[in-house]
Amino acid sequence: MTTETITQTGILGTLAFPNIPPFPSNISTAPLYRLSLSTLRSNPAESARLFQSSKDLGFFYLDLRGDVEGERLLREADQAFELAQTCYDLGRDELSKFDYKSRGSYMGYKGSGTSIVDEKGNLDRNEFYNVRNTQVPGLTEVKSADSRKIPKDDFLGISETPFEHPQLLYKNADLIKSYMQTAHSIVILILSHLNTHLHLPPNTLQNLHDLRSHSGDQVRLIKSPPQPASELRATLGKHTDFGSITILFNRIGGLQILPPPSLTPTGQEPQWTYVKPLPGHCIVNLGDAMVKFTNGLLRSNIHRVVAPPGIQGKETRYSVVYFARPGDEVVLKRLNGSDVIPELKEGEKEEEINSKDWILLQALRLRGVKEGMSDEEKKKLWEESGRGK
């Protein structure tokens, strides 16, 4: 099992969702824009819809069908789902060997029940495996513009040697590498459209997200087993993503967003709403870095993961995610050179923090759970994270 290489199957699960119970038809779903990757490449109106959705909600569907690169990502995502299942079949005891929290990194494995998810101090109910493009053979070196090879260190730069990972991932390095490159290419396309609408100097956003630079770009494989019907709750607490662009593949429901007041009917309070997975689509959302770059013009919307609705709740839920983040040394503050991005208020000062430090702060702040910690201590950890606001 540990040396298995994942190969392409005959039917793309990302296109058809085979053998998966249907999403309930009687549940309200979030009003995400549905954009087309192939149309986005040439249609100014589709580009305008991308910009509007990035301001209104910061979440949208991206239809990948009918586009060469998009369909490649669908194929690779399908194989990544198989890789995720095979990876978690290794078992928690084996995967726990690759948990590097004690070394100041959230790369590698995160077991369930190790992070706070709400103000009650409840613990999460999912497992992560994080893979950064510097951590798999074949991904540790990239060529710069002048063709020199730049060896890339681990996520935090705290070790002279890369962290170890299961042999299964090494055997599937080509898949991981290709998935990262394809996903990042689509991220750059999205950033190019945003760069144009923001009236920024050419390639400003793209240059801040160079795949060849040291950054927190990563693939995450997630497993969430079914929950007991008597105690359904969040498996991943409410949060915003702290990078720039997230590309998410789900086949089973569970993701919820809390719409902003601007998208909530007058006189009503915002309600948590499911985001229904759509075959042939990925879900794209903006992270906090884009909010900081645009002084709040673009939106990073709060979201969480709960038990899948209806009969889907009996299934194990897997997710495949690509997080694109700015280069490690990029300072997360308002970008200059735009007449569209709002100016800072008089006397307002921005927090001077680079991408690397910001990601570390956000990624580990709720993973301070220790054996024997009291409920009050867990609640305090949640309060100090700022996510309860």
Protein backbone atom coordinates (compact mmCIF):
# COMPACT_ATOMS: atom_id res chain seq x y z
CA MET A 1 0.00 0.00 0.00
CA THR A 2 2.78 2.44 0.85
CA THR A 3 4.32 2.20 -2.61
CA GLU A 4 1.13 2.38 -4.64
CA THR A 5 1.10 4.84 -7.54
CA ILE A 6 -2.26 6.37 -8.39
CA THR A 7 -3.31 6.03 -12.02
CA GLN A 8 -6.16 7.63 -13.90
CA THR A 9 -9.53 5.89 -13.70
CA GLY A 10 -11.98 5.49 -16.54
CA ILE A 11 -14.65 7.86 -15.20
CA LEU A 12 -13.76 11.22 -13.75
CA GLY A 13 -15.32 11.53 -10.31
CA THR A 14 -15.00 15.31 -10.56
CA LEU A 15 -17.26 15.20 -13.64
CA ALA A 16 -19.87 12.69 -12.55
CA PHE A 17 -19.60 12.17 -8.73
CA PRO A 18 -20.07 8.40 -9.14
CA ASN A 19 -21.37 6.27 -6.25
CA ILE A 20 -22.07 9.31 -4.10
CA PRO A 21 -25.54 9.99 -2.61
CA PRO A 22 -27.19 13.12 -4.06
CA PHE A 23 -27.08 16.48 -2.34
CA PRO A 24 -30.57 17.09 -0.85
CA SER A 25 -32.84 19.10 -3.13
CA ASN A 26 -34.74 20.76 -0.27
CA ILE A 27 -31.78 22.60 1.26
CA SER A 28 -30.99 26.21 0.45
CA THR A 29 -27.58 26.78 -1.09
CA ALA A 30 -25.30 29.77 -1.34
CA PRO A 31 -25.78 32.09 -4.35
CA LEU A 32 -22.29 31.78 -5.80
CA TYR A 33 -21.54 33.15 -9.24
CA ARG A 34 -20.91 30.39 -11.80
CA LEU A 35 -17.99 31.39 -14.00
CA SER A 36 -16.47 29.51 -16.94
CA LEU A 37 -12.71 29.14 -17.29
CA SER A 38 -12.86 28.87 -21.08
CA THR A 39 -15.09 31.96 -21.29
CA LEU A 40 -12.93 33.87 -18.85
CA ARG A 41 -9.97 33.59 -21.20
CA SER A 42 -11.59 35.76 -23.87
CA ASN A 43 -14.80 37.39 -22.66
CA PRO A 44 -14.62 40.81 -20.93
CA ALA A 45 -18.11 40.34 -19.47
CA GLU A 46 -17.00 37.14 -17.72
CA SER A 47 -13.96 38.98 -16.40
CA ALA A 48 -16.24 41.68 -15.00
CA ARG A 49 -18.33 39.00 -13.26
CA LEU A 50 -15.14 37.61 -11.72
CA PHE A 51 -14.28 41.02 -10.30
CA GLN A 52 -17.81 41.60 -9.00
CA SER A 53 -17.96 38.21 -7.29
CA SER A 54 -14.55 38.88 -5.72
CA LYS A 55 -15.94 42.06 -4.19
CA ASP A 56 -19.38 40.79 -3.19
CA LEU A 57 -18.64 37.41 -1.64
CA GLY A 58 -15.12 36.29 -2.51
CA PHE A 59 -16.45 32.83 -3.42
CA PHE A 60 -17.43 31.55 -6.86
CA TYR A 61 -17.76 28.37 -8.89
CA LEU A 62 -15.36 27.92 -11.78
CA ASP A 63 -16.53 25.58 -14.56
CA LEU A 64 -13.43 23.80 -15.84
CA ARG A 65 -15.11 21.86 -18.64
CA GLY A 66 -14.34 22.69 -22.25
CA ASP A 67 -10.92 24.10 -21.40
CA VAL A 68 -7.70 22.17 -21.96
CA GLU A 69 -6.05 23.28 -18.74
CA GLY A 70 -9.30 23.05 -16.79
CA GLU A 71 -9.95 19.48 -17.86
CA ARG A 72 -6.37 18.57 -16.99
CA LEU A 73 -7.00 19.87 -13.47
CA LEU A 74 -10.20 17.83 -13.27
CA ARG A 75 -8.29 14.67 -14.18
CA GLU A 76 -5.56 15.43 -11.67
CA ALA A 77 -8.09 16.24 -8.94
CA ASP A 78 -9.77 12.90 -9.59
CA GLN A 79 -6.44 11.12 -9.06
CA ALA A 80 -5.78 13.25 -5.97
CA PHE A 81 -9.04 12.04 -4.42
CA GLU A 82 -7.83 8.48 -4.89
CA LEU A 83 -4.47 9.43 -3.43
CA ALA A 84 -6.19 10.93 -0.39
CA GLN A 85 -8.12 7.76 0.32
CA THR A 86 -5.02 5.61 -0.09
CA CYS A 87 -3.01 7.96 2.10
CA TYR A 88 -5.48 7.79 4.98
CA ASP A 89 -5.67 4.01 4.65
CA LEU A 90 -2.16 4.05 6.10
CA GLY A 91 -3.76 4.75 9.46
CA ARG A 92 -3.29 7.39 12.11
CA ASP A 93 -0.40 5.65 13.86
CA GLU A 94 1.65 5.66 10.67
CA LEU A 95 0.66 9.17 9.56
CA SER A 96 1.36 10.62 13.01
CA LYS A 97 5.05 10.04 12.34
CA PHE A 98 4.77 12.93 9.90
CA ASP A 99 3.17 15.49 12.24
CA TYR A 100 5.65 18.38 12.51
CA LYS A 101 3.77 20.76 14.79
CA SER A 102 6.41 20.27 17.49
CA ARG A 103 8.97 21.62 15.02
CA GLY A 104 6.99 24.77 14.34
CA SER A 105 5.42 23.66 11.08
CA TYR A 106 1.93 22.71 10.04
CA MET A 107 3.22 20.80 7.02
CA GLY A 108 2.63 17.06 7.02
CA TYR A 109 -0.09 15.38 9.03
CA LYS A 110 -2.68 16.83 11.40
CA GLY A 111 -4.79 14.29 13.24
CA SER A 112 -8.41 14.84 14.22
CA GLY A 113 -9.15 16.34 17.61
CA THR A 114 -6.06 18.54 17.69
CA SER A 115 -7.56 21.94 16.91
CA ILE A 116 -10.30 24.11 18.48
CA VAL A 117 -13.34 24.71 16.25
CA ASP A 118 -15.70 26.92 18.25
CA GLU A 119 -16.28 29.12 21.29
CA LYS A 120 -17.32 26.07 23.35
CA GLY A 121 -13.85 24.61 23.04
CA ASN A 122 -14.97 21.68 20.89
CA LEU A 123 -12.26 19.90 18.91
CA ASP A 124 -12.13 19.35 15.17
CA ARG A 125 -13.21 16.12 13.48
CA ASN A 126 -11.02 15.89 10.42
CA GLU A 127 -7.55 14.91 9.33
CA PHE A 128 -5.24 16.97 7.10
CA TYR A 129 -2.17 16.13 5.13
CA ASN A 130 -0.35 19.22 3.87
CA VAL A 131 2.15 18.95 1.04
CA ARG A 132 4.20 21.92 -0.03
CA ASN A 133 5.95 21.97 -3.39
CA THR A 134 9.34 21.94 -1.66
CA GLN A 135 8.68 18.66 0.11
CA VAL A 136 8.39 16.04 -2.62
CA PRO A 137 11.22 14.75 -4.82
CA GLY A 138 11.13 16.53 -8.14
CA LEU A 139 9.58 19.61 -6.54
CA THR A 140 12.46 20.79 -4.39
CA GLU A 141 14.23 22.68 -7.13
CA VAL A 142 12.88 25.06 -9.75
CA LYS A 143 14.55 27.17 -12.38
CA SER A 144 14.59 30.91 -12.02
CA ALA A 145 14.23 33.33 -14.92
CA ASP A 146 17.98 33.13 -15.51
CA SER A 147 17.87 29.31 -15.45
CA ARG A 148 19.76 28.93 -12.19
CA LYS A 149 18.45 26.19 -9.92
CA ILE A 150 17.21 27.51 -6.61
CA PRO A 151 16.98 24.89 -3.82
CA LYS A 152 13.82 25.59 -1.83
CA ASP A 153 13.79 24.98 1.92
CA ASP A 154 10.89 23.67 3.96
CA PHE A 155 7.89 25.75 4.92
CA LEU A 156 9.46 27.58 7.82
CA GLY A 157 13.08 27.38 6.72
CA ILE A 158 13.98 25.85 10.08
CA SER A 159 15.65 22.71 8.76
CA GLU A 160 18.50 22.12 6.36
CA THR A 161 16.85 18.91 5.19
CA PRO A 162 13.25 18.41 4.02
CA PHE A 163 10.76 16.73 6.33
CA GLU A 164 10.10 13.06 5.72
CA HIS A 165 6.78 11.92 4.23
CA PRO A 166 5.08 8.60 3.48
CA GLN A 167 6.58 6.70 0.56
CA LEU A 168 3.15 6.84 -1.07
CA LEU A 169 3.62 10.58 -1.67
CA TYR A 170 7.09 10.14 -3.08
CA LYS A 171 5.72 7.54 -5.47
CA ASN A 172 3.09 10.03 -6.60
CA ALA A 173 5.40 13.05 -6.86
CA ASP A 174 4.65 13.52 -10.56
CA LEU A 175 0.93 13.80 -9.86
CA ILE A 176 1.43 16.23 -6.99
CA LYS A 177 3.82 18.36 -9.02
CA SER A 178 1.53 18.50 -12.04
CA TYR A 179 -1.53 19.27 -9.91
CA MET A 180 0.29 22.15 -8.23
CA GLN A 181 1.49 23.58 -11.53
CA THR A 182 -1.92 23.35 -13.20
CA ALA A 183 -3.78 24.81 -10.22
CA HIS A 184 -1.25 27.61 -9.88
CA SER A 185 -1.54 28.46 -13.57
CA ILE A 186 -5.28 28.97 -13.11
CA VAL A 187 -4.59 31.06 -10.00
CA ILE A 188 -2.31 33.31 -12.07
CA LEU A 189 -5.05 33.73 -14.67
CA ILE A 190 -7.49 34.81 -11.96
CA LEU A 191 -4.91 37.21 -10.53
CA SER A 192 -4.25 38.69 -13.97
CA HIS A 193 -7.93 39.60 -14.33
CA LEU A 194 -8.04 41.09 -10.84
CA ASN A 195 -4.84 43.02 -11.56
CA THR A 196 -6.47 44.58 -14.63
CA HIS A 197 -9.69 45.56 -12.83
CA LEU A 198 -7.72 47.03 -9.94
CA HIS A 199 -5.70 49.21 -12.37
CA LEU A 200 -2.47 47.97 -10.89
CA PRO A 201 0.81 48.16 -12.83
CA PRO A 202 1.17 45.16 -15.17
CA ASN A 203 1.87 41.82 -13.44
CA THR A 204 1.82 43.26 -9.93
CA LEU A 205 -0.29 40.49 -8.40
CA GLN A 206 1.21 37.79 -10.59
CA ASN A 207 4.76 38.69 -9.52
CA LEU A 208 3.77 38.45 -5.86
CA HIS A 209 2.72 34.83 -6.46
CA ASP A 210 5.58 33.44 -8.50
CA LEU A 211 5.57 29.64 -8.21
CA ARG A 212 9.37 29.73 -8.27
CA SER A 213 9.61 31.87 -5.14
CA HIS A 214 9.68 30.70 -1.53
CA SER A 215 6.07 30.72 -0.35
CA GLY A 216 3.40 28.81 1.51
CA ASP A 217 1.79 27.34 -1.62
CA GLN A 218 0.51 23.87 -0.79
CA VAL A 219 -1.85 21.00 -1.54
CA ARG A 220 -4.01 19.75 1.31
CA LEU A 221 -5.78 16.38 1.40
CA ILE A 222 -8.63 16.28 3.93
CA LYS A 223 -10.63 13.42 5.41
CA SER A 224 -13.78 13.92 7.50
CA PRO A 225 -15.50 10.72 8.68
CA PRO A 226 -19.26 10.54 9.37
CA GLN A 227 -20.36 12.12 12.65
CA PRO A 228 -22.62 10.55 15.28
CA ALA A 229 -26.19 11.64 14.54
CA SER A 230 -26.65 12.58 18.19
CA GLU A 231 -23.85 15.15 18.24
CA LEU A 232 -23.50 16.83 14.88
CA ARG A 233 -21.27 19.93 14.91
CA ALA A 234 -18.60 21.73 12.95
CA THR A 235 -15.67 19.61 11.80
CA LEU A 236 -13.70 22.75 10.90
CA GLY A 237 -14.51 25.97 12.72
CA LYS A 238 -15.48 29.30 11.19
CA HIS A 239 -12.54 31.05 9.59
CA THR A 240 -11.27 32.92 6.59
CA ASP A 241 -8.43 31.59 4.47
CA PHE A 242 -5.23 33.46 5.16
CA GLY A 243 -3.58 33.21 1.75
CA SER A 244 -4.59 34.70 -1.60
CA ILE A 245 -6.54 32.21 -3.72
CA THR A 246 -7.93 28.80 -2.75
CA ILE A 247 -9.00 26.17 -5.29
CA LEU A 248 -11.22 23.55 -3.68
CA PHE A 249 -12.66 20.27 -4.91
CA ASN A 250 -15.49 18.60 -2.98
CA ARG A 251 -17.85 15.83 -4.01
CA ILE A 252 -19.91 15.81 -0.81
CA GLY A 253 -21.52 18.80 0.91
CA GLY A 254 -20.38 20.21 4.23
CA LEU A 255 -18.85 23.56 3.33
CA GLN A 256 -20.94 26.48 4.56
CA ILE A 257 -20.54 30.22 4.15
CA LEU A 258 -22.01 33.05 6.21
CA PRO A 259 -23.15 35.65 3.67
CA PRO A 260 -22.29 39.28 4.43
CA PRO A 261 -25.11 41.66 5.40
CA SER A 262 -24.99 43.17 1.89
CA LEU A 263 -26.21 39.85 0.44
CA THR A 264 -28.76 39.18 3.20
CA PRO A 265 -32.44 40.18 2.77
CA THR A 266 -33.40 43.33 4.66
CA GLY A 267 -34.55 42.60 8.19
CA GLN A 268 -32.94 39.17 8.32
CA GLU A 269 -29.79 37.96 10.03
CA PRO A 270 -27.14 36.19 7.92
CA GLN A 271 -27.54 32.41 8.11
CA TRP A 272 -24.99 29.68 7.52
CA THR A 273 -25.65 28.30 4.03
CA TYR A 274 -24.34 25.18 2.30
CA VAL A 275 -22.21 25.42 -0.83
CA LYS A 276 -23.32 22.59 -3.09
CA PRO A 277 -20.50 20.78 -4.94
CA LEU A 278 -21.01 20.86 -8.71
CA PRO A 279 -19.57 18.27 -11.11
CA GLY A 280 -16.99 19.72 -13.47
CA HIS A 281 -16.43 22.75 -11.23
CA CYS A 282 -14.01 23.79 -8.53
CA ILE A 283 -14.89 26.27 -5.81
CA VAL A 284 -12.64 29.31 -5.70
CA ASN A 285 -12.36 31.71 -2.79
CA LEU A 286 -10.18 34.67 -1.92
CA GLY A 287 -8.12 34.85 1.26
CA ASP A 288 -7.02 37.53 3.70
CA ALA A 289 -3.95 38.52 1.66
CA MET A 290 -6.22 39.85 -1.11
CA VAL A 291 -8.14 41.90 1.45
CA LYS A 292 -4.93 43.41 2.75
CA PHE A 293 -3.59 44.11 -0.76
CA THR A 294 -6.81 45.95 -1.70
CA ASN A 295 -7.56 47.66 1.64
CA GLY A 296 -10.81 45.75 1.98
CA LEU A 297 -12.11 46.17 -1.57
CA LEU A 298 -11.96 42.43 -2.26
CA ARG A 299 -13.58 40.02 0.16
CA SER A 300 -12.33 37.02 2.13
CA ASN A 301 -15.57 35.52 3.40
CA ILE A 302 -16.01 33.55 6.59
CA HIS A 303 -16.80 29.85 6.15
CA ARG A 304 -16.78 26.56 8.04
CA VAL A 305 -17.26 22.82 7.48
CA VAL A 306 -20.08 20.87 9.14
CA ALA A 307 -21.62 17.43 8.69
CA PRO A 308 -22.80 16.81 5.11
CA PRO A 309 -26.56 17.28 4.67
CA GLY A 310 -29.10 14.48 4.39
CA ILE A 311 -28.00 11.02 3.37
CA GLN A 312 -24.56 12.39 2.46
CA GLY A 313 -23.91 12.62 6.19
CA LYS A 314 -23.33 8.87 6.26
CA GLU A 315 -20.36 9.15 3.91
CA THR A 316 -16.70 9.89 4.58
CA ARG A 317 -15.97 13.30 3.09
CA TYR A 318 -12.70 13.95 1.25
CA SER A 319 -11.47 17.30 -0.06
CA VAL A 320 -8.58 18.28 -2.30
CA VAL A 321 -7.37 21.86 -1.85
CA TYR A 322 -4.73 24.07 -3.40
CA PHE A 323 -3.71 27.17 -1.43
CA ALA A 324 -1.84 29.90 -3.32
CA ARG A 325 -0.05 32.38 -1.09
CA PRO A 326 2.21 35.38 -1.64
CA GLY A 327 5.97 34.93 -1.52
CA ASP A 328 7.36 34.56 2.00
CA GLU A 329 8.88 38.05 2.15
CA VAL A 330 5.90 39.90 0.65
CA VAL A 331 4.53 42.42 3.15
CA LEU A 332 0.75 42.15 3.38
CA LYS A 333 -0.42 45.74 3.00
CA ARG A 334 -2.21 48.00 0.53
CA LEU A 335 -0.65 47.91 -2.92
CA ASN A 336 0.49 51.14 -4.53
CA GLY A 337 -0.16 52.28 -8.08
CA SER A 338 -3.95 51.80 -8.20
CA ASP A 339 -6.69 54.40 -8.49
CA VAL A 340 -9.31 51.74 -7.69
CA ILE A 341 -8.04 50.45 -4.35
CA PRO A 342 -9.34 52.68 -1.52
CA GLU A 343 -6.82 54.91 0.16
CA LEU A 344 -6.00 54.46 3.83
CA LYS A 345 -7.94 56.66 6.19
CA GLU A 346 -6.14 59.67 7.55
CA GLY A 347 -3.84 58.56 10.35
CA GLU A 348 -4.47 54.88 9.66
CA LYS A 349 -1.43 52.62 9.96
CA GLU A 350 -1.17 49.16 8.48
CA GLU A 351 0.18 46.10 10.23
CA GLU A 352 3.65 45.38 8.87
CA ILE A 353 3.80 41.60 8.62
CA ASN A 354 5.16 39.43 5.83
CA SER A 355 3.38 36.48 4.29
CA LYS A 356 5.52 33.84 5.97
CA ASP A 357 4.93 35.18 9.49
CA TRP A 358 1.22 35.75 8.84
CA ILE A 359 0.70 32.18 7.64
CA LEU A 360 2.58 30.74 10.61
CA LEU A 361 0.55 32.84 13.05
CA GLN A 362 -2.79 31.83 11.55
CA ALA A 363 -1.98 28.18 10.89
CA LEU A 364 -0.80 27.22 14.36
CA ARG A 365 -2.76 29.49 16.69
CA LEU A 366 -5.61 26.99 17.22
CA ARG A 367 -3.40 23.91 17.31
CA GLY A 368 -2.22 24.60 20.84
CA VAL A 369 -4.37 21.79 22.22
CA LYS A 370 -2.54 19.78 24.86
CA GLU A 371 -3.44 16.51 26.54
CA GLY A 372 -5.44 17.14 29.70
CA MET A 373 -6.36 20.71 28.75
CA SER A 374 -9.55 21.85 30.50
CA ASP A 375 -12.66 23.10 28.67
CA GLU A 376 -11.98 26.61 29.97
CA GLU A 377 -8.45 26.53 28.61
CA LYS A 378 -9.79 25.42 25.22
CA LYS A 379 -12.35 28.24 25.22
CA LYS A 380 -9.62 30.73 26.05
CA LEU A 381 -7.52 29.46 23.15
CA TRP A 382 -10.47 30.08 20.83
CA GLU A 383 -11.03 33.60 22.21
CA GLU A 384 -7.38 34.50 21.82
CA SER A 385 -7.42 33.37 18.18
CA GLY A 386 -9.80 36.19 17.28
CA ARG A 387 -12.05 33.86 15.29
CA GLY A 388 -14.96 34.32 17.63
CA LYS A 389 -15.42 37.93 16.56
